[in-house]
PDB file of N, CA and C in Angstrom:
ATOM      1  N   MET A   1      -7.637 -68.353  25.102  1.00  0.00           N
ATOM      2  CA  MET A   1      -7.020 -67.258  24.183  1.00  0.00           C
ATOM      3  C   MET A   1      -8.226 -66.598  23.574  1.00  0.00           C
ATOM      4  N   THR A   2      -9.528 -67.342  23.304  1.00  0.00           N
ATOM      5  CA  THR A   2     -10.374 -66.687  22.641  1.00  0.00           C
ATOM      6  C   THR A   2     -11.034 -65.424  23.453  1.00  0.00           C
ATOM      7  N   THR A   3     -10.683 -65.596  24.774  1.00  0.00           N
ATOM      8  CA  THR A   3     -11.368 -64.539  25.796  1.00  0.00           C
ATOM      9  C   THR A   3     -10.311 -63.234  25.391  1.00  0.00           C
ATOM     10  N   GLN A   4      -9.263 -63.194  25.060  1.00  0.00           N
ATOM     11  CA  GLN A   4      -8.223 -62.129  24.948  1.00  0.00           C
ATOM     12  C   GLN A   4      -8.315 -61.623  23.671  1.00  0.00           C
ATOM     13  N   GLN A   5      -8.623 -62.382  22.593  1.00  0.00           N
ATOM     14  CA  GLN A   5      -8.739 -62.081  21.147  1.00  0.00           C
ATOM     15  C   GLN A   5      -9.866 -60.774  21.140  1.00  0.00           C
ATOM     16  N   PRO A   6     -10.929 -60.885  21.513  1.00  0.00           N
ATOM     17  CA  PRO A   6     -12.050 -59.759  21.406  1.00  0.00           C
ATOM     18  C   PRO A   6     -11.418 -58.547  22.191  1.00  0.00           C
ATOM     19  N   THR A   7     -10.668 -58.638  23.006  1.00  0.00           N
ATOM     20  CA  THR A   7     -10.200 -57.318  23.743  1.00  0.00           C
ATOM     21  C   THR A   7      -9.015 -56.711  22.930  1.00  0.00           C
ATOM     22  N   ILE A   8      -8.285 -57.606  22.376  1.00  0.00           N
ATOM     23  CA  ILE A   8      -7.082 -57.009  21.468  1.00  0.00           C
ATOM     24  C   ILE A   8      -7.933 -56.449  20.335  1.00  0.00           C
ATOM     25  N   ASN A   9      -8.919 -57.203  19.756  1.00  0.00           N
ATOM     26  CA  ASN A   9      -9.647 -56.521  18.618  1.00  0.00           C
ATOM     27  C   ASN A   9     -10.286 -55.117  18.881  1.00  0.00           C
ATOM     28  N   ARG A  10     -10.855 -55.219  20.136  1.00  0.00           N
ATOM     29  CA  ARG A  10     -11.700 -53.992  20.582  1.00  0.00           C
ATOM     30  C   ARG A  10     -10.602 -52.862  20.711  1.00  0.00           C
ATOM     31  N   SER A  11      -9.485 -53.343  21.446  1.00  0.00           N
ATOM     32  CA  SER A  11      -8.598 -52.307  21.780  1.00  0.00           C
ATOM     33  C   SER A  11      -7.842 -51.731  20.440  1.00  0.00           C
ATOM     34  N   THR A  12      -7.551 -52.670  19.461  1.00  0.00           N
ATOM     35  CA  THR A  12      -7.003 -52.084  18.476  1.00  0.00           C
ATOM     36  C   THR A  12      -8.213 -51.297  17.515  1.00  0.00           C
ATOM     37  N   GLN A  13      -9.447 -51.619  17.746  1.00  0.00           N
ATOM     38  CA  GLN A  13     -10.450 -50.936  16.950  1.00  0.00           C
ATOM     39  C   GLN A  13     -10.490 -49.506  17.612  1.00  0.00           C
ATOM     40  N   GLU A  14     -10.525 -49.451  18.757  1.00  0.00           N
ATOM     41  CA  GLU A  14     -10.657 -48.277  19.617  1.00  0.00           C
ATOM     42  C   GLU A  14      -9.285 -47.324  19.194  1.00  0.00           C
ATOM     43  N   MET A  15      -8.087 -48.004  19.273  1.00  0.00           N
ATOM     44  CA  MET A  15      -6.793 -47.350  18.875  1.00  0.00           C
ATOM     45  C   MET A  15      -7.037 -46.440  17.539  1.00  0.00           C
ATOM     46  N   ALA A  16      -7.632 -47.438  16.714  1.00  0.00           N
ATOM     47  CA  ALA A  16      -7.872 -46.929  15.194  1.00  0.00           C
ATOM     48  C   ALA A  16      -8.935 -45.773  15.357  1.00  0.00           C
ATOM     49  N   ASN A  17      -9.850 -45.798  15.838  1.00  0.00           N
ATOM     50  CA  ASN A  17     -10.776 -44.694  16.029  1.00  0.00           C
ATOM     51  C   ASN A  17      -9.966 -43.631  16.662  1.00  0.00           C
ATOM     52  N   VAL A  18      -9.232 -43.741  17.590  1.00  0.00           N
ATOM     53  CA  VAL A  18      -8.711 -42.600  18.376  1.00  0.00           C
ATOM     54  C   VAL A  18      -7.591 -41.974  17.347  1.00  0.00           C
ATOM     55  N   ASP A  19      -6.926 -42.893  16.626  1.00  0.00           N
ATOM     56  CA  ASP A  19      -5.924 -42.173  15.526  1.00  0.00           C
ATOM     57  C   ASP A  19      -6.701 -41.637  14.600  1.00  0.00           C
ATOM     58  N   GLU A  20      -7.800 -42.069  14.022  1.00  0.00           N
ATOM     59  CA  GLU A  20      -8.569 -41.382  12.826  1.00  0.00           C
ATOM     60  C   GLU A  20      -9.098 -40.211  13.532  1.00  0.00           C
ATOM     61  N   ARG A  21      -9.673 -39.925  14.663  1.00  0.00           N
ATOM     62  CA  ARG A  21      -9.985 -38.702  15.373  1.00  0.00           C
ATOM     63  C   ARG A  21      -8.922 -37.816  15.520  1.00  0.00           C
ATOM     64  N   LEU A  22      -7.847 -38.282  16.121  1.00  0.00           N
ATOM     65  CA  LEU A  22      -6.763 -37.308  16.094  1.00  0.00           C
ATOM     66  C   LEU A  22      -6.257 -36.774  14.998  1.00  0.00           C
ATOM     67  N   ARG A  23      -6.274 -37.716  13.982  1.00  0.00           N
ATOM     68  CA  ARG A  23      -5.868 -37.267  12.376  1.00  0.00           C
ATOM     69  C   ARG A  23      -6.805 -36.100  12.005  1.00  0.00           C
ATOM     70  N   GLN A  24      -8.259 -36.370  12.011  1.00  0.00           N
ATOM     71  CA  GLN A  24      -9.162 -35.372  11.504  1.00  0.00           C
ATOM     72  C   GLN A  24      -8.923 -34.241  12.188  1.00  0.00           C
ATOM     73  N   ALA A  25      -8.837 -34.344  13.649  1.00  0.00           N
ATOM     74  CA  ALA A  25      -8.618 -32.977  14.432  1.00  0.00           C
ATOM     75  C   ALA A  25      -7.513 -32.201  14.045  1.00  0.00           C
ATOM     76  N   ILE A  26      -6.354 -32.880  13.658  1.00  0.00           N
ATOM     77  CA  ILE A  26      -4.985 -32.112  13.198  1.00  0.00           C
ATOM     78  C   ILE A  26      -5.400 -31.602  11.925  1.00  0.00           C
ATOM     79  N   LEU A  27      -6.037 -32.386  10.869  1.00  0.00           N
ATOM     80  CA  LEU A  27      -6.418 -31.767   9.442  1.00  0.00           C
ATOM     81  C   LEU A  27      -7.528 -30.572   9.989  1.00  0.00           C
ATOM     82  N   ASP A  28      -8.442 -30.735  10.719  1.00  0.00           N
ATOM     83  CA  ASP A  28      -9.445 -29.578  10.915  1.00  0.00           C
ATOM     84  C   ASP A  28      -8.443 -28.341  11.312  1.00  0.00           C
ATOM     85  N   LYS A  29      -7.559 -28.521  12.263  1.00  0.00           N
ATOM     86  CA  LYS A  29      -6.780 -27.567  12.801  1.00  0.00           C
ATOM     87  C   LYS A  29      -5.977 -26.920  11.796  1.00  0.00           C
ATOM     88  N   ARG A  30      -5.194 -27.688  10.723  1.00  0.00           N
ATOM     89  CA  ARG A  30      -4.386 -26.952   9.766  1.00  0.00           C
ATOM     90  C   ARG A  30      -5.379 -26.277   8.907  1.00  0.00           C
ATOM     91  N   GLN A  31      -6.498 -27.016   8.527  1.00  0.00           N
ATOM     92  CA  GLN A  31      -7.671 -26.419   7.719  1.00  0.00           C
ATOM     93  C   GLN A  31      -7.825 -24.921   8.246  1.00  0.00           C
ATOM     94  N   ALA A  32      -8.317 -24.632   9.438  1.00  0.00           N
ATOM     95  CA  ALA A  32      -8.461 -23.527  10.137  1.00  0.00           C
ATOM     96  C   ALA A  32      -7.419 -22.564  10.096  1.00  0.00           C
ATOM     97  N   GLN A  33      -6.307 -23.002  10.266  1.00  0.00           N
ATOM     98  CA  GLN A  33      -5.048 -22.183  10.176  1.00  0.00           C
ATOM     99  C   GLN A  33      -4.962 -21.572   8.764  1.00  0.00           C
ATOM    100  N   ILE A  34      -5.027 -22.372   7.966  1.00  0.00           N
ATOM    101  CA  ILE A  34      -4.935 -21.929   6.382  1.00  0.00           C
ATOM    102  C   ILE A  34      -5.945 -20.976   6.178  1.00  0.00           C
ATOM    103  N   GLN A  35      -7.211 -21.433   6.479  1.00  0.00           N
ATOM    104  CA  GLN A  35      -8.335 -20.282   6.349  1.00  0.00           C
ATOM    105  C   GLN A  35      -8.043 -19.078   7.035  1.00  0.00           C
ATOM    106  N   GLU A  36      -7.635 -19.175   8.328  1.00  0.00           N
ATOM    107  CA  GLU A  36      -7.340 -17.888   8.974  1.00  0.00           C
ATOM    108  C   GLU A  36      -5.972 -16.996   8.171  1.00  0.00           C
ATOM    109  N   LEU A  37      -5.158 -17.629   7.814  1.00  0.00           N
ATOM    110  CA  LEU A  37      -4.034 -17.112   6.893  1.00  0.00           C
ATOM    111  C   LEU A  37      -4.829 -16.587   5.602  1.00  0.00           C
ATOM    112  N   SER A  38      -5.696 -17.361   4.922  1.00  0.00           N
ATOM    113  CA  SER A  38      -6.270 -16.713   3.783  1.00  0.00           C
ATOM    114  C   SER A  38      -7.212 -15.380   3.968  1.00  0.00           C
ATOM    115  N   ASP A  39      -7.813 -15.587   5.104  1.00  0.00           N
ATOM    116  CA  ASP A  39      -8.575 -14.279   5.478  1.00  0.00           C
ATOM    117  C   ASP A  39      -7.695 -12.999   5.740  1.00  0.00           C
ATOM    118  N   LYS A  40      -6.656 -13.322   6.513  1.00  0.00           N
ATOM    119  CA  LYS A  40      -5.751 -12.271   6.708  1.00  0.00           C
ATOM    120  C   LYS A  40      -4.882 -11.534   5.576  1.00  0.00           C
ATOM    121  N   ILE A  41      -4.699 -12.523   4.552  1.00  0.00           N
ATOM    122  CA  ILE A  41      -4.040 -12.132   3.231  1.00  0.00           C
ATOM    123  C   ILE A  41      -5.104 -11.360   2.546  1.00  0.00           C
ATOM    124  N   ASP A  42      -6.368 -11.770   2.508  1.00  0.00           N
ATOM    125  CA  ASP A  42      -7.235 -11.123   1.914  1.00  0.00           C
ATOM    126  C   ASP A  42      -7.414  -9.694   2.322  1.00  0.00           C
ATOM    127  N   GLN A  43      -7.583  -9.562   3.841  1.00  0.00           N
ATOM    128  CA  GLN A  43      -7.462  -8.341   4.455  1.00  0.00           C
ATOM    129  C   GLN A  43      -6.317  -7.447   4.259  1.00  0.00           C
ATOM    130  N   LEU A  44      -5.175  -7.964   4.025  1.00  0.00           N
ATOM    131  CA  LEU A  44      -4.031  -7.207   3.746  1.00  0.00           C
ATOM    132  C   LEU A  44      -4.146  -6.495   2.077  1.00  0.00           C
ATOM    133  N   GLN A  45      -4.628  -7.600   1.456  1.00  0.00           N
ATOM    134  CA  GLN A  45      -5.012  -7.088   0.025  1.00  0.00           C
ATOM    135  C   GLN A  45      -5.851  -6.003  -0.102  1.00  0.00           C
ATOM    136  N   ASN A  46      -7.062  -6.168   0.550  1.00  0.00           N
ATOM    137  CA  ASN A  46      -8.007  -5.007   0.573  1.00  0.00           C
ATOM    138  C   ASN A  46      -7.255  -3.634   1.062  1.00  0.00           C
ATOM    139  N   GLN A  47      -6.514  -3.733   2.253  1.00  0.00           N
ATOM    140  CA  GLN A  47      -5.851  -2.462   2.613  1.00  0.00           C
ATOM    141  C   GLN A  47      -4.861  -1.955   1.734  1.00  0.00           C
ATOM    142  N   ALA A  48      -4.158  -2.828   0.910  1.00  0.00           N
ATOM    143  CA  ALA A  48      -3.378  -2.420   0.146  1.00  0.00           C
ATOM    144  C   ALA A  48      -3.932  -1.686  -0.937  1.00  0.00           C
ATOM    145  N   ARG A  49      -5.069  -2.160  -1.438  1.00  0.00           N
ATOM    146  CA  ARG A  49      -5.759  -1.486  -2.536  1.00  0.00           C
ATOM    147  C   ARG A  49      -6.178  -0.297  -2.066  1.00  0.00           C
ATOM    148  N   GLN A  50      -6.592   0.075  -0.861  1.00  0.00           N
ATOM    149  CA  GLN A  50      -7.229   1.174  -0.306  1.00  0.00           C
ATOM    150  C   GLN A  50      -6.168   2.245  -0.063  1.00  0.00           C
ATOM    151  N   VAL A  51      -4.994   1.450   0.423  1.00  0.00           N
ATOM    152  CA  VAL A  51      -3.837   2.420   0.276  1.00  0.00           C
ATOM    153  C   VAL A  51      -3.096   3.112  -0.757  1.00  0.00           C
ATOM    154  N   ALA A  52      -3.477   2.050  -1.717  1.00  0.00           N
ATOM    155  CA  ALA A  52      -2.896   2.347  -3.242  1.00  0.00           C
ATOM    156  C   ALA A  52      -3.671   3.591  -3.750  1.00  0.00           C
ATOM    157  N   GLU A  53      -4.980   3.450  -3.649  1.00  0.00           N
ATOM    158  CA  GLU A  53      -6.126   4.434  -4.044  1.00  0.00           C
ATOM    159  C   GLU A  53      -5.749   5.657  -3.135  1.00  0.00           C
ATOM    160  N   GLY A  54      -5.447   5.775  -1.879  1.00  0.00           N
ATOM    161  CA  GLY A  54      -5.147   7.033  -1.258  1.00  0.00           C
ATOM    162  C   GLY A  54      -3.952   7.518  -1.447  1.00  0.00           C
ATOM    163  N   VAL A  55      -3.020   6.765  -1.896  1.00  0.00           N
ATOM    164  CA  VAL A  55      -1.748   7.318  -2.288  1.00  0.00           C
ATOM    165  C   VAL A  55      -1.834   7.842  -3.636  1.00  0.00           C
ATOM    166  N   ARG A  56      -2.620   7.221  -4.618  1.00  0.00           N
ATOM    167  CA  ARG A  56      -2.735   7.580  -5.829  1.00  0.00           C
ATOM    168  C   ARG A  56      -3.359   8.955  -5.755  1.00  0.00           C
ATOM    169  N   ASP A  57      -4.487   9.144  -5.183  1.00  0.00           N
ATOM    170  CA  ASP A  57      -5.167  10.453  -4.991  1.00  0.00           C
ATOM    171  C   ASP A  57      -4.438  11.462  -4.386  1.00  0.00           C
ATOM    172  N   GLU A  58      -3.637  11.202  -3.466  1.00  0.00           N
ATOM    173  CA  GLU A  58      -2.676  12.164  -2.826  1.00  0.00           C
ATOM    174  C   GLU A  58      -1.660  12.779  -3.777  1.00  0.00           C
ATOM    175  N   THR A  59      -0.934  11.637  -4.284  1.00  0.00           N
ATOM    176  CA  THR A  59       0.004  11.854  -5.473  1.00  0.00           C
ATOM    177  C   THR A  59      -0.526  12.596  -6.558  1.00  0.00           C
ATOM    178  N   GLU A  60      -1.711  12.381  -7.109  1.00  0.00           N
ATOM    179  CA  GLU A  60      -2.270  13.087  -8.108  1.00  0.00           C
ATOM    180  C   GLU A  60      -2.425  14.616  -7.750  1.00  0.00           C
ATOM    181  N   SER A  61      -3.129  14.695  -6.630  1.00  0.00           N
ATOM    182  CA  SER A  61      -3.226  16.098  -5.904  1.00  0.00           C
ATOM    183  C   SER A  61      -1.828  16.943  -6.010  1.00  0.00           C
ATOM    184  N   LYS A  62      -0.719  16.196  -5.395  1.00  0.00           N
ATOM    185  CA  LYS A  62       0.372  16.933  -5.306  1.00  0.00           C
ATOM    186  C   LYS A  62       0.915  17.244  -6.400  1.00  0.00           C
ATOM    187  N   LEU A  63       0.658  16.244  -7.628  1.00  0.00           N
ATOM    188  CA  LEU A  63       1.284  16.583  -9.002  1.00  0.00           C
ATOM    189  C   LEU A  63       0.319  17.544  -9.461  1.00  0.00           C
ATOM    190  N   GLU A  64      -0.851  17.583  -9.299  1.00  0.00           N
ATOM    191  CA  GLU A  64      -1.657  18.821  -9.894  1.00  0.00           C
ATOM    192  C   GLU A  64      -1.099  20.097  -9.362  1.00  0.00           C
ATOM    193  N   GLU A  65      -0.753  20.364  -7.911  1.00  0.00           N
ATOM    194  CA  GLU A  65      -0.304  21.349  -7.243  1.00  0.00           C
ATOM    195  C   GLU A  65       1.054  21.840  -8.060  1.00  0.00           C
ATOM    196  N   LEU A  66       1.902  20.812  -8.376  1.00  0.00           N
ATOM    197  CA  LEU A  66       3.208  21.050  -8.987  1.00  0.00           C
ATOM    198  C   LEU A  66       2.980  21.669 -10.239  1.00  0.00           C
ATOM    199  N   ARG A  67       2.072  20.973 -11.072  1.00  0.00           N
ATOM    200  CA  ARG A  67       1.691  21.591 -12.267  1.00  0.00           C
ATOM    201  C   ARG A  67       1.232  22.892 -12.298  1.00  0.00           C
ATOM    202  N   ALA A  68       0.352  23.372 -11.241  1.00  0.00           N
ATOM    203  CA  ALA A  68       0.016  24.694 -11.363  1.00  0.00           C
ATOM    204  C   ALA A  68       1.051  25.602 -10.749  1.00  0.00           C
ATOM    205  N   ALA A  69       2.005  25.276  -9.878  1.00  0.00           N
ATOM    206  CA  ALA A  69       3.290  26.073  -9.646  1.00  0.00           C
ATOM    207  C   ALA A  69       4.043  26.217 -10.746  1.00  0.00           C
ATOM    208  N   ARG A  70       4.410  25.153 -11.619  1.00  0.00           N
ATOM    209  CA  ARG A  70       5.060  25.099 -12.956  1.00  0.00           C
ATOM    210  C   ARG A  70       4.532  25.957 -13.811  1.00  0.00           C
ATOM    211  N   ASP A  71       3.083  25.943 -13.979  1.00  0.00           N
ATOM    212  CA  ASP A  71       2.350  26.985 -15.034  1.00  0.00           C
ATOM    213  C   ASP A  71       2.455  28.558 -14.724  1.00  0.00           C
ATOM    214  N   ALA A  72       2.461  28.693 -13.275  1.00  0.00           N
ATOM    215  CA  ALA A  72       2.676  30.007 -12.867  1.00  0.00           C
ATOM    216  C   ALA A  72       4.193  30.603 -13.281  1.00  0.00           C
ATOM    217  N   ALA A  73       5.093  29.621 -12.891  1.00  0.00           N
ATOM    218  CA  ALA A  73       6.571  30.034 -13.273  1.00  0.00           C
ATOM    219  C   ALA A  73       6.577  30.373 -14.591  1.00  0.00           C
ATOM    220  N   ARG A  74       5.851  29.397 -15.411  1.00  0.00           N
ATOM    221  CA  ARG A  74       6.237  29.538 -17.029  1.00  0.00           C
ATOM    222  C   ARG A  74       5.336  30.891 -17.297  1.00  0.00           C
ATOM    223  N   SER A  75       4.309  31.241 -16.831  1.00  0.00           N
ATOM    224  CA  SER A  75       3.688  32.619 -17.092  1.00  0.00           C
ATOM    225  C   SER A  75       4.514  33.795 -16.570  1.00  0.00           C
ATOM    226  N   ARG A  76       5.126  33.588 -15.412  1.00  0.00           N
ATOM    227  CA  ARG A  76       6.128  34.662 -14.997  1.00  0.00           C
ATOM    228  C   ARG A  76       7.270  34.778 -16.047  1.00  0.00           C
ATOM    229  N   LEU A  77       7.817  33.702 -16.374  1.00  0.00           N
ATOM    230  CA  LEU A  77       8.840  33.874 -17.600  1.00  0.00           C
ATOM    231  C   LEU A  77       8.500  34.356 -18.679  1.00  0.00           C
ATOM    232  N   GLN A  78       7.344  34.108 -19.216  1.00  0.00           N
ATOM    233  CA  GLN A  78       6.883  34.604 -20.312  1.00  0.00           C
ATOM    234  C   GLN A  78       6.553  36.307 -20.140  1.00  0.00           C
ATOM    235  N   GLU A  79       6.022  36.624 -19.085  1.00  0.00           N
ATOM    236  CA  GLU A  79       5.919  37.987 -18.656  1.00  0.00           C
ATOM    237  C   GLU A  79       7.238  38.587 -18.798  1.00  0.00           C
ATOM    238  N   LEU A  80       8.297  38.101 -18.100  1.00  0.00           N
ATOM    239  CA  LEU A  80       9.682  38.585 -17.988  1.00  0.00           C
ATOM    240  C   LEU A  80      10.400  38.754 -19.595  1.00  0.00           C
ATOM    241  N   GLN A  81       9.838  37.804 -20.350  1.00  0.00           N
ATOM    242  CA  GLN A  81      10.409  37.797 -21.841  1.00  0.00           C
ATOM    243  C   GLN A  81       9.714  39.110 -22.483  1.00  0.00           C
ATOM    244  N   ARG A  82       8.640  39.322 -22.105  1.00  0.00           N
ATOM    245  CA  ARG A  82       7.732  40.477 -22.881  1.00  0.00           C
ATOM    246  C   ARG A  82       8.059  41.648 -22.255  1.00  0.00           C
ATOM    247  N   SER A  83       8.688  41.871 -20.963  1.00  0.00           N
ATOM    248  CA  SER A  83       8.741  43.104 -20.445  1.00  0.00           C
ATOM    249  C   SER A  83       9.600  43.930 -20.784  1.00  0.00           C
ATOM    250  N   THR A  84       9.225  45.514 -20.483  1.00  0.00           N
ATOM    251  CA  THR A  84      10.243  46.700 -20.763  1.00  0.00           C
ATOM    252  C   THR A  84      11.294  46.515 -19.679  1.00  0.00           C
ATOM    253  N   GLU A  85      12.339  47.269 -19.939  1.00  0.00           N
ATOM    254  CA  GLU A  85      13.379  47.334 -18.902  1.00  0.00           C
ATOM    255  C   GLU A  85      12.943  47.945 -17.459  1.00  0.00           C
ATOM    256  N   GLU A  86      12.020  48.707 -17.398  1.00  0.00           N
ATOM    257  CA  GLU A  86      11.639  49.223 -16.238  1.00  0.00           C
ATOM    258  C   GLU A  86      10.766  47.960 -15.299  1.00  0.00           C
ATOM    259  N   ALA A  87      10.174  47.087 -15.883  1.00  0.00           N
ATOM    260  CA  ALA A  87       9.627  45.982 -15.519  1.00  0.00           C
ATOM    261  C   ALA A  87      10.587  44.799 -15.156  1.00  0.00           C
ATOM    262  N   TRP A  88      11.660  44.745 -15.737  1.00  0.00           N
ATOM    263  CA  TRP A  88      12.378  43.861 -15.818  1.00  0.00           C
ATOM    264  C   TRP A  88      12.665  43.289 -14.208  1.00  0.00           C
ATOM    265  N   SER A  89      13.320  44.159 -13.421  1.00  0.00           N
ATOM    266  CA  SER A  89      13.617  43.818 -12.270  1.00  0.00           C
ATOM    267  C   SER A  89      12.569  43.203 -11.298  1.00  0.00           C
ATOM    268  N   SER A  90      11.439  43.825 -11.419  1.00  0.00           N
ATOM    269  CA  SER A  90      10.345  43.349 -10.709  1.00  0.00           C
ATOM    270  C   SER A  90       9.954  41.827 -11.119  1.00  0.00           C
ATOM    271  N   LEU A  91       9.691  41.657 -12.379  1.00  0.00           N
ATOM    272  CA  LEU A  91       9.383  40.552 -13.158  1.00  0.00           C
ATOM    273  C   LEU A  91      10.282  39.510 -12.730  1.00  0.00           C
ATOM    274  N   LEU A  92      11.569  39.711 -12.858  1.00  0.00           N
ATOM    275  CA  LEU A  92      12.674  38.861 -12.713  1.00  0.00           C
ATOM    276  C   LEU A  92      12.713  38.290 -11.220  1.00  0.00           C
ATOM    277  N   GLU A  93      12.287  39.145 -10.215  1.00  0.00           N
ATOM    278  CA  GLU A  93      12.069  38.679  -8.966  1.00  0.00           C
ATOM    279  C   GLU A  93      11.060  37.813  -8.672  1.00  0.00           C
ATOM    280  N   GLN A  94       9.766  37.960  -9.392  1.00  0.00           N
ATOM    281  CA  GLN A  94       8.674  37.319  -9.353  1.00  0.00           C
ATOM    282  C   GLN A  94       8.926  35.783  -9.973  1.00  0.00           C
ATOM    283  N   THR A  95       9.685  35.875 -11.092  1.00  0.00           N
ATOM    284  CA  THR A  95       9.882  34.769 -11.786  1.00  0.00           C
ATOM    285  C   THR A  95      10.754  33.876 -10.852  1.00  0.00           C
ATOM    286  N   ASP A  96      11.897  34.496 -10.310  1.00  0.00           N
ATOM    287  CA  ASP A  96      12.650  33.728  -9.260  1.00  0.00           C
ATOM    288  C   ASP A  96      12.008  33.179  -8.059  1.00  0.00           C
ATOM    289  N   GLU A  97      10.867  33.835  -7.722  1.00  0.00           N
ATOM    290  CA  GLU A  97      10.205  33.176  -6.583  1.00  0.00           C
ATOM    291  C   GLU A  97       9.241  32.074  -7.032  1.00  0.00           C
ATOM    292  N   ALA A  98       8.777  32.139  -8.292  1.00  0.00           N
ATOM    293  CA  ALA A  98       7.774  31.351  -8.606  1.00  0.00           C
ATOM    294  C   ALA A  98       8.737  29.998  -9.105  1.00  0.00           C
ATOM    295  N   LEU A  99      10.000  30.096  -9.670  1.00  0.00           N
ATOM    296  CA  LEU A  99      10.850  29.076  -9.764  1.00  0.00           C
ATOM    297  C   LEU A  99      11.122  28.205  -8.438  1.00  0.00           C
ATOM    298  N   GLN A 100      11.335  29.088  -7.572  1.00  0.00           N
ATOM    299  CA  GLN A 100      11.733  28.707  -6.434  1.00  0.00           C
ATOM    300  C   GLN A 100      10.426  27.708  -5.491  1.00  0.00           C
ATOM    301  N   SER A 101       9.436  28.331  -5.722  1.00  0.00           N
ATOM    302  CA  SER A 101       8.141  27.659  -5.188  1.00  0.00           C
ATOM    303  C   SER A 101       8.064  26.277  -5.858  1.00  0.00           C
ATOM    304  N   VAL A 102       8.229  26.163  -7.105  1.00  0.00           N
ATOM    305  CA  VAL A 102       8.292  24.845  -7.769  1.00  0.00           C
ATOM    306  C   VAL A 102       9.297  23.988  -7.228  1.00  0.00           C
ATOM    307  N   SER A 103      10.516  24.625  -7.141  1.00  0.00           N
ATOM    308  CA  SER A 103      11.559  23.656  -6.646  1.00  0.00           C
ATOM    309  C   SER A 103      11.391  23.027  -5.404  1.00  0.00           C
ATOM    310  N   ASP A 104      10.762  23.953  -4.529  1.00  0.00           N
ATOM    311  CA  ASP A 104      10.433  23.766  -2.929  1.00  0.00           C
ATOM    312  C   ASP A 104       9.293  22.585  -3.015  1.00  0.00           C
ATOM    313  N   ARG A 105       8.255  22.869  -3.654  1.00  0.00           N
ATOM    314  CA  ARG A 105       7.145  21.705  -3.779  1.00  0.00           C
ATOM    315  C   ARG A 105       7.685  20.389  -4.393  1.00  0.00           C
ATOM    316  N   PHE A 106       8.530  20.410  -5.411  1.00  0.00           N
ATOM    317  CA  PHE A 106       8.945  19.293  -6.115  1.00  0.00           C
ATOM    318  C   PHE A 106       9.839  18.518  -5.080  1.00  0.00           C
ATOM    319  N   HIS A 107      10.840  19.103  -4.464  1.00  0.00           N
ATOM    320  CA  HIS A 107      11.632  18.423  -3.335  1.00  0.00           C
ATOM    321  C   HIS A 107      10.718  17.724  -2.124  1.00  0.00           C
ATOM    322  N   ALA A 108       9.688  18.541  -1.746  1.00  0.00           N
ATOM    323  CA  ALA A 108       8.996  18.100  -0.764  1.00  0.00           C
ATOM    324  C   ALA A 108       8.102  17.156  -1.021  1.00  0.00           C
ATOM    325  N   PHE A 109       7.526  16.990  -2.315  1.00  0.00           N
ATOM    326  CA  PHE A 109       7.003  15.805  -2.985  1.00  0.00           C
ATOM    327  C   PHE A 109       7.984  14.479  -2.876  1.00  0.00           C
ATOM    328  N   VAL A 110       9.126  14.646  -3.558  1.00  0.00           N
ATOM    329  CA  VAL A 110       9.823  13.461  -3.461  1.00  0.00           C
ATOM    330  C   VAL A 110      10.314  13.134  -2.258  1.00  0.00           C
ATOM    331  N   ASN A 111      10.373  13.870  -1.486  1.00  0.00           N
ATOM    332  CA  ASN A 111      10.870  13.568  -0.034  1.00  0.00           C
ATOM    333  C   ASN A 111       9.733  12.744   0.717  1.00  0.00           C
ATOM    334  N   SER A 112       8.267  13.144   0.322  1.00  0.00           N
ATOM    335  CA  SER A 112       7.446  12.595   1.075  1.00  0.00           C
ATOM    336  C   SER A 112       7.100  11.230   0.423  1.00  0.00           C
ATOM    337  N   GLN A 113       7.550  10.936  -0.786  1.00  0.00           N
ATOM    338  CA  GLN A 113       7.444   9.497  -1.536  1.00  0.00           C
ATOM    339  C   GLN A 113       8.433   8.500  -1.042  1.00  0.00           C
ATOM    340  N   SER A 114       9.546   9.173  -0.380  1.00  0.00           N
ATOM    341  CA  SER A 114      10.750   8.208   0.132  1.00  0.00           C
ATOM    342  C   SER A 114      10.446   7.609   1.313  1.00  0.00           C
TER     343      SER A 114
END
């Protein structure tokens, strides 16, 4: 029996070593997967920041266009309020066009955000 005991002990030790290496390999693989996911999350977060900045810049630009169109329509309306009867028809048409322009730009902006 003494000859079998070292074989069993060696075999048990080898299995323990294999189990430990397998366990470590699994842990290493999971750690690598977690790191890969973490890197992807970081990439998505950076992309989201860039998109947010791009969207913010584009939105601000479109809002500035809307404000300019609104101001133009407001100016036409003020001219219309001060106009004489002879200029009324012409200014009314210009005011209507300016208001339609603001309306069209607003709807285009809202639709582009959807």
